[in-house]
Protein backbone atom coordinates (compact mmCIF):
# COMPACT_ATOMS: atom_id res chain seq x y z
CA MET A 1 -35.28 272.09 69.15
CA ASN A 2 -36.58 270.55 72.40
CA ALA A 3 -33.58 270.44 74.73
CA HIS A 4 -32.88 267.37 76.87
CA LEU A 5 -30.60 266.73 79.72
CA THR A 6 -29.72 263.11 81.17
CA ARG A 7 -28.59 262.55 84.73
CA LEU A 8 -27.46 259.01 85.22
CA PRO A 9 -25.62 256.98 87.91
CA ALA A 10 -21.94 256.75 87.02
CA GLU A 11 -22.18 252.92 86.37
CA LEU A 12 -25.13 253.33 84.07
CA GLN A 13 -23.58 256.33 82.36
CA ALA A 14 -20.51 254.39 81.51
CA GLU A 15 -22.60 251.53 80.01
CA VAL A 16 -24.71 254.04 78.10
CA ASP A 17 -21.57 255.84 76.66
CA GLU A 18 -20.32 252.42 75.48
CA ALA A 19 -23.58 251.71 73.70
CA ILE A 20 -23.60 255.09 72.09
CA GLN A 21 -20.06 254.65 70.83
CA ARG A 22 -20.97 251.16 69.56
CA ALA A 23 -23.95 252.67 67.67
CA ALA A 24 -21.77 255.29 66.16
CA GLY A 25 -19.09 252.78 65.21
CA GLU A 26 -21.57 250.38 63.58
CA GLY A 27 -23.50 253.16 61.90
CA TRP A 28 -26.77 252.62 63.45
CA ALA A 29 -28.39 255.89 62.45
CA ARG A 30 -27.24 255.30 58.86
CA ARG A 31 -28.63 251.75 58.86
CA LEU A 32 -31.87 252.82 60.37
CA TRP A 33 -32.42 255.26 57.62
CA ALA A 34 -31.21 252.72 55.00
CA ARG A 35 -33.80 250.39 56.12
CA ASP A 36 -31.31 247.69 57.09
CA ALA A 37 -33.11 244.91 58.83
CA SER A 38 -30.03 243.42 60.18
CA LEU A 39 -29.96 246.29 62.74
CA TRP A 40 -32.60 244.15 64.55
CA THR A 41 -33.39 240.55 63.82
CA GLY A 42 -32.93 240.48 60.03
CA GLN A 43 -36.57 239.53 59.45
CA ASP A 44 -39.41 241.88 58.11
CA GLU A 45 -38.36 245.07 59.88
CA ALA A 46 -37.42 246.98 56.63
CA ARG A 47 -41.15 246.96 55.42
CA TRP A 48 -42.22 248.93 58.59
CA LEU A 49 -40.05 251.86 58.26
CA ARG A 50 -42.03 254.50 56.32
CA TRP A 51 -42.56 256.37 59.46
CA LEU A 52 -39.15 257.81 58.99
CA ASP A 53 -40.62 259.82 56.15
CA ALA A 54 -43.64 260.91 58.04
CA GLY A 55 -41.79 263.52 60.12
CA ASP A 56 -41.34 265.71 57.14
CA ALA A 57 -44.86 265.38 56.06
CA GLY A 58 -43.77 262.75 53.50
CA CYS A 59 -46.76 260.53 54.24
CA VAL A 60 -49.51 262.99 53.95
CA ASP A 61 -51.00 265.34 51.30
CA LEU A 62 -50.88 268.71 53.10
CA VAL A 63 -52.86 270.35 50.33
CA ALA A 64 -55.63 267.76 50.83
CA LEU A 65 -55.58 268.04 54.46
CA LYS A 66 -55.94 271.82 54.50
CA ALA A 67 -58.77 271.63 52.07
CA PHE A 68 -60.48 269.13 54.31
CA GLN A 69 -59.74 271.44 57.42
CA ALA A 70 -61.43 274.33 55.61
CA GLU A 71 -64.33 271.97 54.71
CA VAL A 72 -64.80 270.98 58.25
CA LYS A 73 -64.77 274.62 59.46
CA ALA A 74 -67.31 275.67 57.01
CA ALA A 75 -69.57 272.97 57.94
CA SER A 76 -69.78 274.24 61.55
CA PHE A 77 -69.66 270.84 63.19
CA ALA A 78 -69.78 271.00 67.12
CA HIS A 79 -67.80 267.68 67.49
CA VAL A 80 -65.56 265.37 65.84
CA LEU A 81 -65.86 261.78 67.30
CA LEU A 82 -63.00 259.59 66.36
CA ILE A 83 -63.61 255.86 66.57
CA GLY A 84 -60.47 253.90 66.64
CA MET A 85 -58.23 251.66 68.78
CA GLY A 86 -54.45 251.64 69.55
CA GLY A 87 -52.47 253.55 67.15
CA SER A 88 -55.57 254.86 65.56
CA SER A 89 -56.84 256.52 68.70
CA LEU A 90 -53.94 257.36 71.05
CA GLY A 91 -52.14 259.82 68.70
CA PRO A 92 -55.38 261.71 68.09
CA GLU A 93 -56.22 261.67 71.85
CA VAL A 94 -52.67 263.28 72.61
CA LEU A 95 -53.58 266.04 70.09
CA ALA A 96 -57.00 266.55 71.32
CA GLN A 97 -55.78 266.83 75.05
CA THR A 98 -52.64 268.90 74.18
CA PHE A 99 -54.13 271.47 71.81
CA GLY A 100 -57.75 271.59 73.07
CA ALA A 101 -60.63 273.18 71.12
CA GLN A 102 -59.42 275.56 68.45
CA ALA A 103 -61.45 278.69 67.69
CA GLY A 104 -63.89 278.01 64.89
CA PHE A 105 -63.45 274.28 64.91
CA PRO A 106 -65.16 271.39 66.39
CA GLN A 107 -64.06 269.70 69.61
CA LEU A 108 -62.36 266.32 69.09
CA LEU A 109 -63.56 263.36 71.10
CA VAL A 110 -61.93 259.92 71.02
CA LEU A 111 -63.81 256.83 71.78
CA ASP A 112 -61.83 253.56 72.12
CA SER A 113 -63.95 251.49 74.33
CA THR A 114 -66.56 248.66 74.16
CA ASP A 115 -67.90 249.37 77.55
CA ALA A 116 -71.63 250.04 77.20
CA ASP A 117 -71.65 252.74 79.97
CA GLN A 118 -68.86 254.58 78.20
CA ILE A 119 -70.39 254.50 74.86
CA ARG A 120 -73.69 255.96 76.25
CA ARG A 121 -71.70 258.63 78.05
CA PHE A 122 -70.19 259.73 74.63
CA GLU A 123 -73.46 259.53 72.96
CA ALA A 124 -74.85 262.10 75.47
CA GLN A 125 -72.05 264.53 74.63
CA ILE A 126 -72.99 264.71 70.95
CA ASP A 127 -75.74 265.48 68.60
CA PRO A 128 -75.28 263.34 65.50
CA SER A 129 -76.62 265.99 63.31
CA SER A 130 -73.72 268.31 64.13
CA THR A 131 -71.01 265.73 64.63
CA LEU A 132 -68.31 264.54 62.07
CA PHE A 133 -67.47 260.82 62.74
CA VAL A 134 -63.98 259.76 61.88
CA VAL A 135 -63.75 255.98 61.67
CA SER A 136 -59.95 255.06 61.91
CA SER A 137 -58.72 251.40 61.33
CA LYS A 138 -55.56 250.43 59.57
CA SER A 139 -56.65 247.00 58.63
CA GLY A 140 -60.28 248.03 58.47
CA THR A 141 -61.30 244.77 60.15
CA THR A 142 -60.38 245.49 63.93
CA LEU A 143 -63.28 244.52 65.95
CA GLU A 144 -63.95 247.63 67.93
CA PRO A 145 -63.96 250.22 65.23
CA ASP A 146 -66.07 248.04 63.17
CA ILE A 147 -68.85 247.62 65.69
CA LEU A 148 -68.63 251.13 66.85
CA GLN A 149 -68.87 252.43 63.41
CA ARG A 150 -72.08 250.30 62.84
CA HIS A 151 -73.55 251.64 66.10
CA PHE A 152 -72.99 255.33 65.19
CA TRP A 153 -73.92 254.94 61.68
CA ALA A 154 -77.33 253.70 62.85
CA LEU A 155 -77.69 256.68 65.16
CA ALA A 156 -76.63 259.03 62.29
CA LYS A 157 -78.91 257.42 59.84
CA ALA A 158 -81.87 257.75 62.30
CA ALA A 159 -81.13 261.52 62.74
CA LEU A 160 -79.94 262.42 59.24
CA GLY A 161 -81.41 260.00 56.79
CA GLU A 162 -79.70 259.76 53.39
CA ALA A 163 -77.31 262.71 54.50
CA ALA A 164 -75.64 260.51 57.09
CA GLY A 165 -72.64 259.79 54.77
CA GLY A 166 -71.64 263.34 54.68
CA HIS A 167 -70.98 263.18 58.41
CA PHE A 168 -68.46 260.20 58.16
CA VAL A 169 -64.87 260.08 57.17
CA ALA A 170 -62.74 257.03 56.99
CA VAL A 171 -58.87 256.65 57.59
CA THR A 172 -57.72 253.33 56.58
CA ASP A 173 -55.07 251.43 54.45
CA PRO A 174 -55.83 251.19 50.77
CA GLY A 175 -58.29 248.31 49.67
CA SER A 176 -59.47 247.54 53.26
CA LYS A 177 -62.92 246.47 54.26
CA LEU A 178 -63.45 249.93 55.93
CA GLU A 179 -62.81 251.67 52.43
CA ALA A 180 -65.33 249.42 50.75
CA VAL A 181 -67.98 250.21 53.46
CA ALA A 182 -67.12 254.12 53.11
CA ASN A 183 -67.53 253.96 49.37
CA GLN A 184 -70.82 252.08 49.65
CA GLU A 185 -72.33 254.29 52.13
CA GLY A 186 -71.12 257.48 50.60
CA PHE A 187 -68.70 258.83 53.26
CA ARG A 188 -67.55 262.36 52.85
CA ARG A 189 -63.97 261.37 52.51
CA VAL A 190 -61.57 258.40 52.63
CA PHE A 191 -57.93 259.14 53.61
CA HIS A 192 -55.42 256.36 53.06
CA GLY A 193 -52.92 255.10 55.63
CA GLU A 194 -49.41 254.13 54.71
CA PRO A 195 -49.27 250.16 54.70
CA GLN A 196 -45.52 250.34 55.68
CA ILE A 197 -46.30 252.17 58.97
CA GLY A 198 -47.44 250.16 61.96
CA GLY A 199 -50.25 251.73 63.95
CA ARG A 200 -48.14 252.83 66.95
CA TYR A 201 -45.78 254.72 64.70
CA SER A 202 -48.56 256.19 62.62
CA VAL A 203 -49.33 259.57 64.42
CA LEU A 204 -47.50 261.84 61.91
CA SER A 205 -49.33 260.10 58.90
CA ASN A 206 -53.08 260.44 58.09
CA PHE A 207 -54.05 258.53 61.20
CA GLY A 208 -52.94 261.40 63.35
CA MET A 209 -53.09 264.24 60.98
CA VAL A 210 -56.66 263.81 59.74
CA PRO A 211 -58.11 264.25 63.14
CA ALA A 212 -55.54 267.08 63.69
CA ALA A 213 -56.85 268.83 60.67
CA ALA A 214 -60.45 268.37 61.70
CA MET A 215 -59.83 270.00 65.17
CA GLY A 216 -58.03 272.96 63.59
CA VAL A 217 -54.38 272.26 64.40
CA ASP A 218 -51.92 274.33 62.40
CA LEU A 219 -50.32 271.48 60.37
CA ASP A 220 -47.60 273.75 58.68
CA ARG A 221 -46.30 274.77 62.06
CA LEU A 222 -46.52 271.19 63.53
CA PHE A 223 -44.45 269.83 60.67
CA GLU A 224 -42.11 272.81 60.70
CA THR A 225 -41.06 272.12 64.35
CA THR A 226 -41.08 268.31 63.82
CA GLY A 227 -38.71 268.76 61.03
CA GLU A 228 -36.09 270.04 63.46
CA MET A 229 -36.04 266.71 65.22
CA VAL A 230 -36.14 264.76 62.10
CA ALA A 231 -32.93 266.56 60.97
CA ALA A 232 -31.24 266.06 64.30
CA CYS A 233 -31.98 262.30 64.35
CA GLY A 234 -30.88 262.03 60.60
CA PRO A 235 -28.31 259.37 59.28
CA ALA A 236 -25.29 261.71 59.57
CA ALA A 237 -26.17 263.61 62.55
CA ALA A 238 -23.05 264.08 64.85
CA SER A 239 -25.17 263.88 68.03
CA ASN A 240 -28.46 262.04 67.52
CA PRO A 241 -31.05 262.62 70.35
CA GLY A 242 -33.16 259.63 69.18
CA VAL A 243 -30.20 257.12 69.08
CA GLU A 244 -28.89 258.36 72.35
CA LEU A 245 -32.15 257.95 74.14
CA GLY A 246 -32.71 254.60 72.61
CA CYS A 247 -29.20 253.46 73.79
CA LEU A 248 -30.03 254.64 77.33
CA LEU A 249 -33.45 252.90 77.49
CA GLY A 250 -32.17 249.63 75.98
CA THR A 251 -29.09 249.52 78.11
CA ALA A 252 -30.94 250.30 81.26
CA ALA A 253 -33.64 247.57 80.48
CA LYS A 254 -30.89 244.92 80.08
CA GLY A 255 -29.40 245.95 83.39
CA GLY A 256 -32.72 245.54 85.18
CA ARG A 257 -34.06 249.07 85.01
CA ASP A 258 -36.95 248.19 82.79
CA LYS A 259 -39.67 250.42 84.17
CA VAL A 260 -39.87 253.74 82.25
CA SER A 261 -41.75 256.12 84.51
CA ILE A 262 -43.17 259.08 82.67
CA LEU A 263 -43.58 262.37 84.30
CA ALA A 264 -45.10 265.09 82.31
CA SER A 265 -46.59 268.68 82.65
CA LYS A 266 -50.32 268.93 82.75
CA GLY A 267 -50.43 270.67 79.39
CA ILE A 268 -48.78 267.59 77.57
CA ALA A 269 -49.71 264.75 80.03
CA ASP A 270 -51.64 262.65 77.61
CA LEU A 271 -48.35 262.10 75.53
CA GLY A 272 -47.67 259.39 78.28
CA ALA A 273 -50.72 257.30 77.02
CA TRP A 274 -49.07 257.34 73.58
CA LEU A 275 -45.72 256.52 74.86
CA GLU A 276 -47.20 253.61 76.72
CA GLN A 277 -48.21 251.92 73.45
CA LEU A 278 -45.04 252.61 71.62
CA LEU A 279 -42.72 251.42 74.26
CA ALA A 280 -44.60 248.31 75.48
CA GLU A 281 -45.85 246.95 72.09
CA SER A 282 -42.51 247.48 70.43
CA THR A 283 -40.40 245.91 73.11
CA GLY A 284 -42.53 243.58 75.20
CA LYS A 285 -41.56 240.30 73.82
CA GLN A 286 -39.13 237.28 74.16
CA GLY A 287 -39.38 237.88 77.98
CA GLN A 288 -37.97 241.52 77.73
CA ALA A 289 -39.75 244.85 77.83
CA LEU A 290 -39.73 248.44 78.45
CA ILE A 291 -42.62 248.70 80.94
CA PRO A 292 -44.10 252.18 80.68
CA VAL A 293 -45.37 253.55 83.89
CA ASP A 294 -47.66 256.52 82.99
CA ALA A 295 -49.61 258.97 85.21
CA GLU A 296 -48.62 257.30 88.44
CA PRO A 297 -49.42 259.66 91.31
CA VAL A 298 -46.67 261.63 92.52
CA GLY A 299 -45.10 260.30 95.75
CA PRO A 300 -41.90 261.02 97.93
CA VAL A 301 -38.69 259.79 96.38
CA SER A 302 -38.65 256.99 99.00
CA VAL A 303 -41.42 255.02 97.38
CA TYR A 304 -39.75 254.59 94.04
CA SER A 305 -37.81 251.37 93.37
CA ARG A 306 -34.51 251.09 91.78
CA ASP A 307 -35.72 249.34 88.66
CA ARG A 308 -36.85 252.55 86.99
CA VAL A 309 -35.74 255.17 84.50
CA PHE A 310 -37.55 258.40 84.72
CA ALA A 311 -38.45 260.63 81.77
CA TYR A 312 -39.57 263.99 82.72
CA LEU A 313 -41.38 265.90 79.79
CA ARG A 314 -41.75 269.54 80.84
CA LEU A 315 -43.77 272.23 78.96
CA GLU A 316 -42.10 275.63 79.52
CA GLY A 317 -44.27 278.31 80.87
CA HIS A 318 -46.35 276.07 82.77
CA ASP A 319 -44.75 276.12 86.25
CA GLU A 320 -45.20 272.92 88.16
CA PRO A 321 -42.66 273.13 90.97
CA GLU A 322 -43.81 269.80 92.47
CA LEU A 323 -42.62 267.88 89.41
CA ASP A 324 -39.44 269.93 89.05
CA ALA A 325 -38.56 269.21 92.65
CA LEU A 326 -39.40 265.57 92.23
CA ALA A 327 -37.25 265.23 89.20
CA ASP A 328 -34.35 266.93 90.79
CA ALA A 329 -34.72 264.75 93.85
CA LEU A 330 -34.91 261.58 92.03
CA ALA A 331 -31.75 262.26 90.15
CA GLU A 332 -29.95 263.30 93.33
CA ALA A 333 -30.98 259.92 94.90
CA GLY A 334 -29.39 258.20 92.02
CA HIS A 335 -32.24 257.35 89.80
CA PRO A 336 -31.67 257.73 85.97
CA LEU A 337 -33.48 260.74 84.67
CA VAL A 338 -34.12 262.18 81.15
CA TRP A 339 -35.31 265.73 81.36
CA ILE A 340 -36.90 267.09 78.10
CA ASP A 341 -38.11 270.68 77.71
CA LEU A 342 -40.78 271.67 75.25
CA LYS A 343 -40.96 275.35 74.51
CA ARG A 344 -44.46 275.17 72.96
CA ARG A 345 -47.26 272.61 72.57
CA GLU A 346 -46.56 272.53 68.82
CA ASP A 347 -43.19 271.01 69.73
CA ILE A 348 -44.96 267.75 70.67
CA GLY A 349 -44.29 266.41 67.18
CA GLN A 350 -40.60 266.55 67.91
CA GLU A 351 -41.30 264.15 70.77
CA PHE A 352 -43.31 261.83 68.68
CA PHE A 353 -40.22 261.44 66.34
CA ARG A 354 -37.63 261.38 68.93
CA TRP A 355 -39.37 258.58 70.88
CA GLU A 356 -40.13 256.65 67.72
CA VAL A 357 -36.39 256.62 66.91
CA ALA A 358 -35.40 255.91 70.37
CA THR A 359 -37.98 252.93 70.49
CA ALA A 360 -36.49 251.45 67.24
CA VAL A 361 -32.97 251.85 68.65
CA ALA A 362 -33.82 250.37 72.12
CA GLY A 363 -35.14 247.35 70.21
CA ALA A 364 -31.80 247.05 68.46
CA VAL A 365 -30.02 247.19 71.83
CA MET A 366 -32.33 244.45 73.22
CA GLY A 367 -31.97 242.19 70.21
CA LEU A 368 -35.79 242.57 69.32
CA ASN A 369 -37.95 243.16 66.35
CA PRO A 370 -39.64 246.52 67.41
CA PHE A 371 -42.34 246.40 64.78
CA ASP A 372 -44.30 243.25 65.66
CA GLN A 373 -46.84 242.51 68.34
CA PRO A 374 -47.59 238.68 68.52
CA ASP A 375 -49.34 238.72 71.95
CA VAL A 376 -51.74 241.48 71.03
CA GLU A 377 -52.87 239.25 68.17
CA ALA A 378 -53.20 236.35 70.63
CA SER A 379 -55.71 238.26 72.70
CA LYS A 380 -57.70 239.37 69.58
CA VAL A 381 -57.98 235.77 68.45
CA LYS A 382 -59.47 234.46 71.99
CA ALA A 383 -61.85 237.32 71.96
CA ARG A 384 -63.03 236.75 68.34
CA GLN A 385 -63.42 232.98 69.24
CA LEU A 386 -65.74 233.89 72.03
CA THR A 387 -67.85 236.33 70.14
CA ASP A 388 -68.14 233.76 67.33
CA GLN A 389 -69.31 231.21 69.93
CA TYR A 390 -71.92 233.56 71.14
CA GLU A 391 -73.11 234.35 67.56
CA ALA A 392 -73.63 230.66 66.97
CA THR A 393 -75.17 229.60 70.26
CA GLY A 394 -76.48 232.82 71.80
CA ARG A 395 -74.36 232.40 75.05
CA LEU A 396 -70.95 232.35 76.52
CA GLU A 397 -69.78 229.39 78.57
CA PRO A 398 -70.49 230.15 82.13
CA GLU A 399 -67.66 230.52 84.55
CA THR A 400 -67.43 229.51 88.20
CA ALA A 401 -66.23 232.09 90.71
CA PHE A 402 -63.37 230.93 92.98
CA ALA A 403 -64.79 233.01 95.83
CA ARG A 404 -67.75 235.34 96.65
CA GLY A 405 -68.58 237.87 99.20
CA GLU A 406 -69.07 241.54 99.92
CA GLY A 407 -71.03 241.77 96.61
CA VAL A 408 -67.94 240.98 94.59
CA ALA A 409 -66.58 237.76 93.10
CA ILE A 410 -63.16 236.50 92.33
CA TYR A 411 -62.23 234.29 89.32
CA ALA A 412 -58.83 232.35 89.08
CA ASP A 413 -57.51 229.68 86.85
CA PRO A 414 -56.58 226.49 88.77
CA ARG A 415 -52.82 227.40 89.11
CA ASN A 416 -53.45 230.86 90.56
CA ALA A 417 -56.28 229.56 92.66
CA GLN A 418 -54.08 226.99 94.20
CA ALA A 419 -51.35 229.72 94.94
CA LEU A 420 -53.99 231.89 96.61
CA GLN A 421 -55.21 228.86 98.75
CA ASP A 422 -51.58 228.08 99.71
CA LEU A 423 -50.87 231.69 100.82
CA SER A 424 -54.32 232.43 102.51
CA GLY A 425 -55.27 231.88 106.06
CA ALA A 426 -58.84 232.32 105.41
CA ARG A 427 -61.44 231.54 102.65
CA THR A 428 -62.71 235.09 101.88
CA VAL A 429 -62.44 237.43 98.96
CA GLU A 430 -60.44 239.80 101.28
CA ALA A 431 -58.05 237.12 102.21
CA TYR A 432 -57.47 235.90 98.66
CA LEU A 433 -56.96 239.63 97.56
CA GLU A 434 -54.33 239.97 100.36
CA ALA A 435 -52.60 236.63 99.25
CA HIS A 436 -52.54 237.84 95.74
CA LEU A 437 -50.79 241.13 96.72
CA ARG A 438 -48.47 239.21 98.86
CA GLN A 439 -46.94 237.58 95.83
CA VAL A 440 -45.54 240.95 94.84
CA LYS A 441 -41.64 241.11 95.19
CA ASP A 442 -38.92 243.40 94.48
CA GLY A 443 -38.53 244.09 90.73
CA ASP A 444 -42.18 243.29 90.14
CA TYR A 445 -44.93 245.61 89.07
CA VAL A 446 -48.68 245.72 89.91
CA GLY A 447 -51.19 246.16 86.98
CA LEU A 448 -54.79 247.19 87.45
CA LEU A 449 -56.72 246.09 84.29
CA ALA A 450 -60.16 247.58 84.46
CA TYR A 451 -62.96 246.79 82.06
CA ILE A 452 -65.18 249.63 83.09
CA ASP A 453 -66.12 253.11 81.87
CA ARG A 454 -62.95 255.11 81.82
CA SER A 455 -64.68 258.09 83.59
CA HIS A 456 -62.99 260.63 85.69
CA PRO A 457 -64.43 259.27 89.05
CA HIS A 458 -63.28 255.76 88.11
CA ILE A 459 -59.82 256.98 87.13
CA GLN A 460 -59.50 258.74 90.42
CA ALA A 461 -60.59 255.79 92.45
CA LEU A 462 -58.05 253.41 90.73
CA GLN A 463 -55.28 256.04 90.89
CA ALA A 464 -55.74 256.17 94.61
CA ILE A 465 -55.61 252.44 95.02
CA ARG A 466 -52.45 252.09 92.82
CA ALA A 467 -50.73 254.84 94.82
CA ARG A 468 -51.51 252.83 97.97
CA ILE A 469 -50.05 249.72 96.47
CA ARG A 470 -46.88 251.52 95.22
CA ASP A 471 -46.34 253.31 98.51
CA ARG A 472 -46.69 250.16 100.57
CA LYS A 473 -45.00 247.62 98.29
CA LYS A 474 -42.41 250.05 96.75
CA VAL A 475 -42.93 248.62 93.26
CA ALA A 476 -44.08 250.35 90.10
CA THR A 477 -47.80 250.24 89.31
CA VAL A 478 -49.70 250.58 85.98
CA LEU A 479 -53.35 251.20 85.16
CA GLY A 480 -55.05 250.21 81.87
CA PHE A 481 -58.68 250.34 80.86
CA GLY A 482 -59.81 247.62 78.58
CA PRO A 483 -60.10 246.97 75.80
CA ARG A 484 -57.79 249.99 74.88
CA PHE A 485 -54.78 248.66 76.73
CA LEU A 486 -55.07 245.36 74.79
CA HIS A 487 -53.82 247.19 71.87
CA SER A 488 -51.13 248.93 73.78
CA THR A 489 -49.46 247.91 77.04
CA GLY A 490 -51.02 244.28 76.79
CA GLN A 491 -48.27 243.21 74.61
CA ALA A 492 -45.61 243.85 77.32
CA TYR A 493 -47.83 242.39 80.05
CA LYS A 494 -47.94 239.12 78.10
CA GLY A 495 -44.72 238.98 76.05
CA GLY A 496 -42.31 240.75 78.52
CA PRO A 497 -40.83 239.46 81.73
CA ASN A 498 -43.08 237.58 84.14
CA SER A 499 -42.77 240.31 86.67
CA GLY A 500 -46.37 241.63 86.52
CA VAL A 501 -49.02 240.82 89.15
CA PHE A 502 -52.30 241.68 87.69
CA LEU A 503 -55.73 242.39 89.07
CA GLN A 504 -58.48 242.42 86.25
CA ILE A 505 -61.60 244.28 87.27
CA ILE A 506 -64.93 243.67 85.51
CA HIS A 507 -68.60 244.72 85.98
CA GLU A 508 -72.06 244.08 84.79
CA PRO A 509 -73.35 246.98 82.64
CA ALA A 510 -76.73 248.36 83.55
CA ARG A 511 -78.00 248.01 80.05
CA ASP A 512 -76.54 246.49 77.13
CA ILE A 513 -76.22 248.05 73.54
CA PRO A 514 -76.99 245.93 70.67
CA VAL A 515 -74.49 245.64 67.75
CA PRO A 516 -76.33 246.18 64.36
CA GLY A 517 -76.23 243.09 62.29
CA GLN A 518 -74.97 240.85 65.20
CA ARG A 519 -76.63 238.63 67.65
CA TYR A 520 -74.32 239.95 70.46
CA GLY A 521 -74.21 243.23 72.00
CA PHE A 522 -71.30 245.44 73.45
CA LYS A 523 -71.76 243.68 76.88
CA VAL A 524 -70.75 240.35 75.23
CA VAL A 525 -67.90 241.86 73.40
CA GLU A 526 -66.46 243.42 76.58
CA ALA A 527 -66.83 240.12 78.38
CA ALA A 528 -65.14 238.17 75.54
CA GLN A 529 -62.27 240.71 75.54
CA ALA A 530 -61.72 240.49 79.33
CA ARG A 531 -61.88 236.49 79.15
CA GLY A 532 -59.50 236.54 76.10
CA ASP A 533 -57.07 238.93 77.86
CA MET A 534 -57.02 236.75 81.08
CA GLY A 535 -56.84 233.43 78.99
CA VAL A 536 -53.56 234.69 77.42
CA LEU A 537 -52.09 235.98 80.74
CA VAL A 538 -52.71 232.59 82.19
CA GLU A 539 -51.12 230.81 79.21
CA ARG A 540 -48.10 232.98 79.87
CA GLY A 541 -47.85 231.91 83.41
CA ARG A 542 -48.88 235.29 84.81
CA ARG A 543 -50.07 235.93 88.45
CA VAL A 544 -53.46 237.32 87.71
CA ILE A 545 -57.03 237.17 89.12
CA ARG A 546 -60.20 238.69 88.03
CA LEU A 547 -62.57 240.66 90.38
CA ASP A 548 -66.12 241.10 89.34
CA LEU A 549 -67.79 244.32 90.86
CA GLY A 550 -71.24 243.23 89.61
CA GLY A 551 -73.60 245.97 88.84
CA ASP A 552 -72.35 248.58 91.50
CA VAL A 553 -69.13 249.74 89.95
CA GLU A 554 -68.83 252.79 92.51
CA GLY A 555 -69.53 250.61 95.45
CA GLY A 556 -67.27 247.77 94.30
CA LEU A 557 -64.45 250.25 93.90
CA LYS A 558 -65.03 251.70 97.35
CA TRP A 559 -64.86 248.15 98.68
CA LEU A 560 -61.74 247.43 96.70
CA ALA A 561 -59.99 250.53 98.19
CA GLY A 562 -60.77 249.27 101.64
CA ALA A 563 -59.82 245.72 101.00
CA VAL A 564 -56.49 246.82 99.48
CA ASP A 565 -55.76 249.00 102.65
CA LYS A 566 -56.49 246.02 104.77
CA ALA A 567 -54.40 243.69 102.68
CA LEU A 568 -51.43 245.95 102.76
CA GLY A 569 -51.65 246.23 106.55
């Protein structure tokens, strides 16, 4: 089983020990497995706990999955393109990035964006006639998978005619709209999700295992090693790694260390993207949160604030002395550290289960329901209202920029606009950006929320900007690409503590892509999602502005880097 070591400051260690003793005395592990909702808030928690059975393959049909796996291999597909959002996409993405292409099997690609540039980039990577499309949506009504399925179905029909159905698979809960579409169009297969598993806890169910099978992962081996962690986290385990980690995370958060900074070996680095959703969406409510800080560039110990807990996920045999040295130095400097060693990539299933248990237990420590996500729904509602408006009128209501210059524009609601004017000595976009960043104080975090193509150059540019902010302000930084983060960390940004300072970044796609059967295209959908996101942040009293880069994303990011440098002095 994956080994773990915790190194905590003495005061925090004493508090965590007390929490673990309380959990043991009150039978938290037993109550978790007994589906006892009183462990949390006594509401509907019990109906969302089937993921406990998933770690032992209790929520999948392995015979059917392996038959499907053989079928995919025999069909000689070049690619599997998974279309999904949140829990339907992040787990499969971890598997694709961790295991890579398997001999004799197609490469798994994951698309979870409505950005027209990103969609076209994925189109360019595939040939519909040699691609298997996996459409994954628990409810079957989520906007993004619905319109992406329609788009790629039209491409496949154009290339394959009546044979298109044989290139599509659906993963969805029984009786959903997506299942009806799949049956009507003659999809190759429909795999059912488990209605009593929420999306972010679903990776070991069909939502993760169908794409895993399609890309050639050894499912028997994956569940064999995952079962070791399931047993260790069981109701009668003497030393329960999931409960202990949950007690640590929840106790640290209540004491002000609510930023969970994830360090990970390159071979398993994408696990952080999955952990982001699990932690943020489960705990980001009622003014509390575990704020996940994933993929933040490595810096010297001196730049890390005292409101963090560090989780180092290390893959043995992949020497990364820089990360080893940083983890040791952080612990020596008094930062709480959890060091977890994975012997093999296949052991990633153990971490799925450990962190699911830990997140549920952290919710109990924090007095939260870790299985709902009210603010994610709020953003969806606002975006849907805007797309419905466009469908009815053919336009979105125009917005007036707060400031323009240098080829960019800043948008702000009246409250945030007034704050910028009060803090700014000049009336320029650079001065307002500097004023926005001046609001950052100890205990805050800065969020870059980018509605642009999640391409490698764009990631690199924004990573460099977040590192500059972290190094100068000595605060945690997060980076999210919309709309994917809306189904993930967006819950914590809106429902958690008001400690985030957000810069939303949008652009004008060069060309739109129409959505079959709709008046609007993907460009309108992305704009509606950005507006809906900002609208809820504003309603929650967050410090947020929107920066419109126009049509030149690369030039705009270059300007932003320079402007941030100037703003930080």
